[in-house]
Amino acid sequence: MNDTARTRTALPVFDDVLAAAARIAPHAHVTPVLRSHSIDAIAGCELHFKAEHLQRAGAFKFRGACNAVWSLSDEDAARGVVTHSSGNHGAALALAARTRGIACHVVVPEGAVAAKLAAIEAYGATLHRCAPTIAAREIRCAQLQAETGAELVHPYTDPRVIAGQGTAALELLSDATPFDALVVPVGGGGLASGTALAVAACSPRTRLHLAEPSGAAETWASMQRGERVTEFTPDTICDGLRGTLGEPNFALLHAHGARVLKVDDADTVAAMRLFWQRTKQIVEPSSAVALAAVLGNRETFDGQRVGIVLSGGNVDPDALPELFARG
């Protein structure tokens, strides 16, 4: 099996995260770690925020997309890439494809955030709309693959994507003082499973917690049962966390003993508002859910040193007043 074929089938390992860090270094930002003493006081612990909302394309997704695009052989890259995405992965893949000068096709569900769709188009990708279901996305992606020969870069199950997402935690964990806990959002599981690889290798005593909307808590159910739960209808404002947990992602998270914390949307919006008020930084709900998980589980994190990956900041400005009103 050649290297390209292996990356499509094998579970990634920590060496893949290290390779991804080297591969994306010319293209991705090393994002800062932010602090807020006033939020520490409210949370009852010491919080270190990995600011992936300041990453290129406004989200951690650029890491995985960039790793996937630059992993391709010249022959495969010439046919372009295709994916399905509610927004951030699509924009990230479009930008990554642009850095290599190749075509990018993105299948987007009806009802996706307008600002995210605008970003995808601005980075030069071609949009293809479909019904707002995972099945509809996958069917349209398969059609585009057949028509164009483009390489599928799945938003969270692709091992190249998982390895790339793990580089955010790799940077955060490079701090000299170890963390007691690390908290990341979970939807499809790309960031979460990549983070699990980095934590296991770099800081095995750090406990990994996954923040998940209560209205899309299939990861919580999957971890409780010890097998994937795929039948659910998401009902959450966290549009980036509505995807179904991927099979390789579940395998990695289950093996590493990640704990899932469910968060109500109202608490997520409150955390988003708090972060904006205290740091003057806007993050999207799918990112603020991680801070909300800490604030809602004070007894779990009391007095600890906690890392939080802020996954993205792509919010439609016109939607902010209504969003904060709902909180």
Protein backbone atom coordinates (compact mmCIF):
# COMPACT_ATOMS: atom_id res chain seq x y z
CA MET A 1 0.00 0.00 0.00
CA ASN A 2 1.45 3.40 -0.95
CA ASP A 3 1.57 6.36 1.44
CA THR A 4 -1.47 8.07 -0.07
CA ALA A 5 -3.62 4.96 0.23
CA ARG A 6 -2.49 4.40 3.82
CA THR A 7 -3.54 7.90 4.86
CA ARG A 8 -7.06 7.16 3.65
CA THR A 9 -7.50 4.03 5.76
CA ALA A 10 -5.21 3.86 8.80
CA LEU A 11 -5.88 5.48 12.16
CA PRO A 12 -3.42 8.31 12.67
CA VAL A 13 -0.74 8.10 15.36
CA PHE A 14 1.26 10.76 17.17
CA ASP A 15 4.05 10.64 14.58
CA ASP A 16 1.43 11.79 12.05
CA VAL A 17 0.70 14.82 14.25
CA LEU A 18 4.40 15.67 14.34
CA ALA A 19 4.65 15.26 10.57
CA ALA A 20 1.59 17.49 10.14
CA ALA A 21 3.15 20.19 12.31
CA ALA A 22 6.19 20.29 10.06
CA ARG A 23 4.10 20.15 6.87
CA ILE A 24 1.77 23.03 7.73
CA ALA A 25 4.40 25.25 9.36
CA PRO A 26 4.92 27.39 6.22
CA HIS A 27 1.19 28.07 5.95
CA ALA A 28 -0.58 27.99 9.34
CA HIS A 29 -0.33 30.47 12.22
CA VAL A 30 1.05 29.52 15.61
CA THR A 31 -1.88 31.04 17.48
CA PRO A 32 -1.47 32.81 20.83
CA VAL A 33 -2.59 31.56 24.23
CA LEU A 34 -4.88 34.09 25.92
CA ARG A 35 -5.49 34.63 29.63
CA SER A 36 -8.19 36.42 31.63
CA HIS A 37 -7.78 36.72 35.37
CA SER A 38 -11.38 37.84 35.79
CA ILE A 39 -12.68 34.72 34.00
CA ASP A 40 -10.31 32.62 36.14
CA ALA A 41 -11.96 34.07 39.23
CA ILE A 42 -15.43 33.21 37.92
CA ALA A 43 -14.40 29.68 36.89
CA GLY A 44 -12.40 28.93 40.02
CA CYS A 45 -9.44 27.66 38.01
CA GLU A 46 -6.54 28.86 35.85
CA LEU A 47 -7.61 28.98 32.20
CA HIS A 48 -5.35 29.09 29.15
CA PHE A 49 -7.20 29.75 25.89
CA LYS A 50 -5.62 28.49 22.66
CA ALA A 51 -6.87 31.16 20.27
CA GLU A 52 -7.70 29.17 17.14
CA HIS A 53 -10.30 31.78 16.21
CA LEU A 54 -7.22 33.77 15.17
CA GLN A 55 -6.06 30.96 12.85
CA ARG A 56 -6.18 31.46 9.09
CA ALA A 57 -9.78 31.18 7.85
CA GLY A 58 -10.88 31.88 11.42
CA ALA A 59 -10.81 28.33 12.81
CA PHE A 60 -8.60 25.37 13.73
CA LYS A 61 -9.95 23.62 10.63
CA PHE A 62 -7.22 25.17 8.51
CA ARG A 63 -4.67 22.93 10.21
CA GLY A 64 -6.26 19.67 9.10
CA ALA A 65 -7.25 20.94 5.67
CA CYS A 66 -3.75 22.25 5.02
CA ASN A 67 -2.17 18.98 6.11
CA ALA A 68 -4.48 17.01 3.81
CA VAL A 69 -3.88 19.25 0.79
CA TRP A 70 -0.10 19.28 1.14
CA SER A 71 -0.02 15.52 1.76
CA LEU A 72 -1.31 14.88 -1.78
CA SER A 73 0.94 13.76 -4.58
CA ASP A 74 1.23 16.19 -7.49
CA GLU A 75 -0.88 13.84 -9.62
CA ASP A 76 -3.71 13.66 -7.06
CA ALA A 77 -3.54 17.38 -6.29
CA ALA A 78 -3.98 18.26 -9.97
CA ARG A 79 -7.52 16.82 -9.84
CA GLY A 80 -8.48 19.07 -6.95
CA VAL A 81 -10.24 18.36 -3.67
CA VAL A 82 -13.87 18.02 -2.56
CA THR A 83 -15.60 18.00 0.81
CA HIS A 84 -18.86 18.69 2.58
CA SER A 85 -19.04 21.27 5.35
CA SER A 86 -21.37 23.55 7.28
CA GLY A 87 -18.77 26.26 6.87
CA ASN A 88 -15.42 26.26 8.68
CA HIS A 89 -13.93 23.14 7.10
CA GLY A 90 -15.13 24.25 3.69
CA ALA A 91 -13.47 27.64 4.07
CA ALA A 92 -10.31 26.04 5.44
CA LEU A 93 -10.08 23.56 2.57
CA ALA A 94 -10.75 26.31 0.03
CA LEU A 95 -7.91 28.38 1.46
CA ALA A 96 -5.58 25.39 1.72
CA ALA A 97 -6.34 24.49 -1.90
CA ARG A 98 -5.58 28.07 -2.91
CA THR A 99 -2.15 27.86 -1.24
CA ARG A 100 -1.39 24.97 -3.60
CA GLY A 101 -3.19 26.42 -6.62
CA ILE A 102 -5.70 23.58 -7.04
CA ALA A 103 -9.48 23.38 -7.47
CA CYS A 104 -11.80 22.95 -4.51
CA HIS A 105 -15.47 21.87 -4.42
CA VAL A 106 -17.52 22.27 -1.23
CA VAL A 107 -20.94 20.73 -0.66
CA VAL A 108 -22.89 22.90 1.80
CA PRO A 109 -26.24 22.20 3.50
CA GLU A 110 -29.16 24.58 3.13
CA GLY A 111 -29.34 26.92 6.13
CA ALA A 112 -25.57 27.17 6.70
CA VAL A 113 -24.28 30.44 8.23
CA ALA A 114 -24.12 33.08 5.49
CA ALA A 115 -20.79 34.51 6.67
CA LYS A 116 -19.17 31.08 6.42
CA LEU A 117 -20.50 30.48 2.90
CA ALA A 118 -19.20 33.88 1.83
CA ALA A 119 -15.76 32.95 3.16
CA ILE A 120 -15.74 29.68 1.20
CA GLU A 121 -16.51 31.53 -2.02
CA ALA A 122 -14.01 34.29 -1.24
CA TYR A 123 -11.24 31.70 -1.00
CA GLY A 124 -12.08 30.51 -4.51
CA ALA A 125 -14.04 27.28 -3.97
CA THR A 126 -17.13 26.25 -5.92
CA LEU A 127 -20.24 25.80 -3.75
CA HIS A 128 -22.69 22.94 -4.27
CA ARG A 129 -25.85 23.08 -2.15
CA CYS A 130 -27.75 20.10 -0.79
CA ALA A 131 -30.41 19.15 1.78
CA PRO A 132 -29.35 19.63 5.43
CA THR A 133 -28.57 15.99 6.17
CA ILE A 134 -25.32 14.03 6.38
CA ALA A 135 -26.67 11.53 3.84
CA ALA A 136 -27.39 14.28 1.30
CA ARG A 137 -23.91 15.73 1.79
CA GLU A 138 -22.19 12.40 1.23
CA ILE A 139 -24.25 11.57 -1.86
CA ARG A 140 -23.42 14.91 -3.49
CA CYS A 141 -19.73 14.53 -2.61
CA ALA A 142 -19.66 11.10 -4.26
CA GLN A 143 -21.24 12.57 -7.38
CA LEU A 144 -18.62 15.31 -7.56
CA GLN A 145 -15.81 12.81 -7.07
CA ALA A 146 -17.13 10.78 -9.99
CA GLU A 147 -17.49 13.87 -12.16
CA THR A 148 -14.17 15.56 -11.39
CA GLY A 149 -11.81 12.92 -9.98
CA ALA A 150 -11.21 15.22 -7.01
CA GLU A 151 -9.75 13.85 -3.77
CA LEU A 152 -12.25 13.64 -0.91
CA VAL A 153 -11.05 15.42 2.23
CA HIS A 154 -13.62 14.47 4.83
CA PRO A 155 -14.11 17.16 7.49
CA TYR A 156 -13.32 14.91 10.45
CA THR A 157 -12.74 11.22 9.61
CA ASP A 158 -9.80 11.74 7.23
CA PRO A 159 -6.63 10.67 9.11
CA ARG A 160 -4.70 13.56 7.52
CA VAL A 161 -7.28 15.98 8.90
CA ILE A 162 -7.23 14.40 12.37
CA ALA A 163 -3.44 14.62 12.52
CA GLY A 164 -3.50 18.25 11.42
CA GLN A 165 -6.08 19.20 14.04
CA GLY A 166 -3.89 17.65 16.72
CA THR A 167 -1.24 20.31 16.10
CA ALA A 168 -3.30 22.92 17.99
CA ALA A 169 -3.04 20.90 21.22
CA LEU A 170 0.59 20.08 20.40
CA GLU A 171 1.38 23.80 20.49
CA LEU A 172 -0.66 24.38 23.64
CA LEU A 173 0.95 21.47 25.48
CA SER A 174 4.44 22.76 24.68
CA ASP A 175 4.05 25.02 27.71
CA ALA A 176 6.61 24.08 30.37
CA THR A 177 3.98 23.59 33.09
CA PRO A 178 1.63 20.64 32.48
CA PHE A 179 -2.14 21.04 32.39
CA ASP A 180 -4.45 19.16 34.73
CA ALA A 181 -7.16 19.16 32.08
CA LEU A 182 -7.72 20.07 28.45
CA VAL A 183 -11.18 20.95 27.11
CA VAL A 184 -12.14 20.98 23.43
CA PRO A 185 -15.48 21.06 21.59
CA VAL A 186 -16.68 17.86 19.92
CA GLY A 187 -18.92 17.39 16.91
CA GLY A 188 -17.61 15.03 14.25
CA GLY A 189 -14.53 14.51 16.41
CA GLY A 190 -11.61 15.66 14.24
CA LEU A 191 -10.26 18.18 16.76
CA ALA A 192 -11.11 15.96 19.72
CA SER A 193 -9.38 12.83 18.39
CA GLY A 194 -6.35 14.76 17.16
CA THR A 195 -6.12 16.34 20.61
CA ALA A 196 -6.33 12.89 22.20
CA LEU A 197 -3.22 11.82 20.26
CA ALA A 198 -1.30 14.90 21.37
CA VAL A 199 -2.36 14.60 25.02
CA ALA A 200 -1.49 10.90 25.24
CA ALA A 201 2.00 11.51 23.88
CA CYS A 202 2.91 14.87 25.41
CA SER A 203 1.01 15.02 28.70
CA PRO A 204 -0.51 11.65 29.64
CA ARG A 205 -1.56 12.87 33.08
CA THR A 206 -3.73 15.59 31.54
CA ARG A 207 -7.41 14.61 31.49
CA LEU A 208 -9.19 15.24 28.17
CA HIS A 209 -12.73 16.62 28.39
CA LEU A 210 -15.03 17.09 25.40
CA ALA A 211 -17.66 19.84 25.42
CA GLU A 212 -20.81 18.89 23.51
CA PRO A 213 -24.19 20.63 23.03
CA SER A 214 -27.01 18.89 24.91
CA GLY A 215 -29.06 19.06 21.73
CA ALA A 216 -26.51 17.02 19.77
CA ALA A 217 -25.02 14.79 22.46
CA GLU A 218 -24.41 11.62 20.46
CA THR A 219 -20.74 11.57 21.50
CA TRP A 220 -21.83 11.49 25.14
CA ALA A 221 -24.23 8.65 24.34
CA SER A 222 -21.57 6.81 22.34
CA MET A 223 -19.04 6.97 25.16
CA GLN A 224 -21.67 5.81 27.65
CA ARG A 225 -22.61 2.78 25.51
CA GLY A 226 -19.11 1.95 24.31
CA GLU A 227 -20.30 2.03 20.70
CA ARG A 228 -21.21 4.75 18.20
CA VAL A 229 -24.67 6.28 18.34
CA THR A 230 -25.58 7.67 14.94
CA GLU A 231 -29.36 8.05 14.99
CA PHE A 232 -30.14 11.54 16.28
CA THR A 233 -31.55 14.87 15.14
CA PRO A 234 -29.31 17.77 16.18
CA ASP A 235 -30.99 20.76 17.83
CA THR A 236 -28.37 23.32 18.79
CA ILE A 237 -27.14 26.78 17.88
CA CYS A 238 -23.63 25.29 17.62
CA ASP A 239 -23.78 24.77 13.87
CA GLY A 240 -20.24 23.41 13.72
CA LEU A 241 -21.06 20.62 16.19
CA ARG A 242 -24.08 19.07 14.50
CA GLY A 243 -22.13 16.38 12.66
CA THR A 244 -22.17 12.71 13.61
CA LEU A 245 -19.12 11.43 15.50
CA GLY A 246 -16.92 9.60 12.99
CA GLU A 247 -15.93 5.97 13.37
CA PRO A 248 -12.14 6.54 13.58
CA ASN A 249 -12.76 9.49 15.89
CA PHE A 250 -14.82 7.36 18.26
CA ALA A 251 -12.14 4.66 18.23
CA LEU A 252 -9.44 7.13 19.24
CA LEU A 253 -11.54 8.94 21.86
CA HIS A 254 -12.79 5.70 23.41
CA ALA A 255 -9.26 4.30 23.57
CA HIS A 256 -7.99 7.44 25.31
CA GLY A 257 -10.84 7.60 27.85
CA ALA A 258 -12.09 11.08 26.98
CA ARG A 259 -14.93 12.40 29.17
CA VAL A 260 -17.87 14.25 27.58
CA LEU A 261 -19.57 17.21 29.27
CA LYS A 262 -23.00 18.21 27.96
CA VAL A 263 -23.78 21.93 27.69
CA ASP A 264 -27.10 23.71 27.17
CA ASP A 265 -27.22 26.33 24.41
CA ALA A 266 -28.16 29.10 26.84
CA ASP A 267 -25.00 28.44 28.84
CA THR A 268 -22.93 28.44 25.65
CA VAL A 269 -24.27 31.85 24.64
CA ALA A 270 -23.63 33.16 28.16
CA ALA A 271 -20.02 31.95 27.94
CA MET A 272 -19.66 33.54 24.51
CA ARG A 273 -20.93 36.85 25.90
CA LEU A 274 -18.64 36.61 28.95
CA PHE A 275 -15.57 35.94 26.82
CA TRP A 276 -16.40 38.91 24.61
CA GLN A 277 -16.96 41.21 27.61
CA ARG A 278 -13.79 40.23 29.45
CA THR A 279 -11.32 39.69 26.58
CA LYS A 280 -12.90 41.73 23.74
CA GLN A 281 -12.65 38.61 21.55
CA ILE A 282 -15.58 37.16 19.60
CA VAL A 283 -15.77 33.38 19.32
CA GLU A 284 -18.57 31.36 17.75
CA PRO A 285 -20.96 29.21 19.82
CA SER A 286 -19.23 26.01 18.67
CA SER A 287 -16.12 27.41 20.34
CA ALA A 288 -17.67 29.01 23.45
CA VAL A 289 -19.19 25.65 24.39
CA ALA A 290 -15.77 24.62 25.80
CA LEU A 291 -15.67 27.56 28.22
CA ALA A 292 -19.32 26.91 29.11
CA ALA A 293 -18.42 23.31 30.00
CA VAL A 294 -15.83 24.54 32.50
CA LEU A 295 -18.12 27.16 33.99
CA GLY A 296 -20.92 24.60 34.35
CA ASN A 297 -18.74 21.96 36.02
CA ARG A 298 -16.83 24.00 38.57
CA GLU A 299 -16.34 21.05 40.92
CA THR A 300 -14.53 19.12 38.16
CA PHE A 301 -12.00 21.86 37.45
CA ASP A 302 -11.76 23.65 40.81
CA GLY A 303 -8.22 24.95 41.39
CA GLN A 304 -6.81 23.23 38.30
CA ARG A 305 -4.71 24.47 35.40
CA VAL A 306 -6.97 24.05 32.39
CA GLY A 307 -6.31 24.46 28.67
CA ILE A 308 -9.20 25.33 26.37
CA VAL A 309 -9.03 25.21 22.59
CA LEU A 310 -11.15 28.03 21.20
CA SER A 311 -12.03 26.40 17.92
CA GLY A 312 -13.25 29.30 15.80
CA GLY A 313 -14.57 32.82 15.51
CA ASN A 314 -16.67 32.85 12.35
CA VAL A 315 -19.85 34.52 13.51
CA ASP A 316 -22.29 36.38 11.29
CA PRO A 317 -22.25 39.93 12.76
CA ASP A 318 -25.88 40.48 11.79
CA ALA A 319 -26.90 37.46 13.87
CA LEU A 320 -25.19 38.57 17.09
CA PRO A 321 -28.06 40.63 18.60
CA GLU A 322 -30.54 37.77 18.22
CA LEU A 323 -27.99 35.24 19.41
CA PHE A 324 -27.21 37.15 22.60
CA ALA A 325 -30.91 37.74 23.18
CA ARG A 326 -31.50 33.97 23.10
CA GLY A 327 -28.87 33.53 25.79
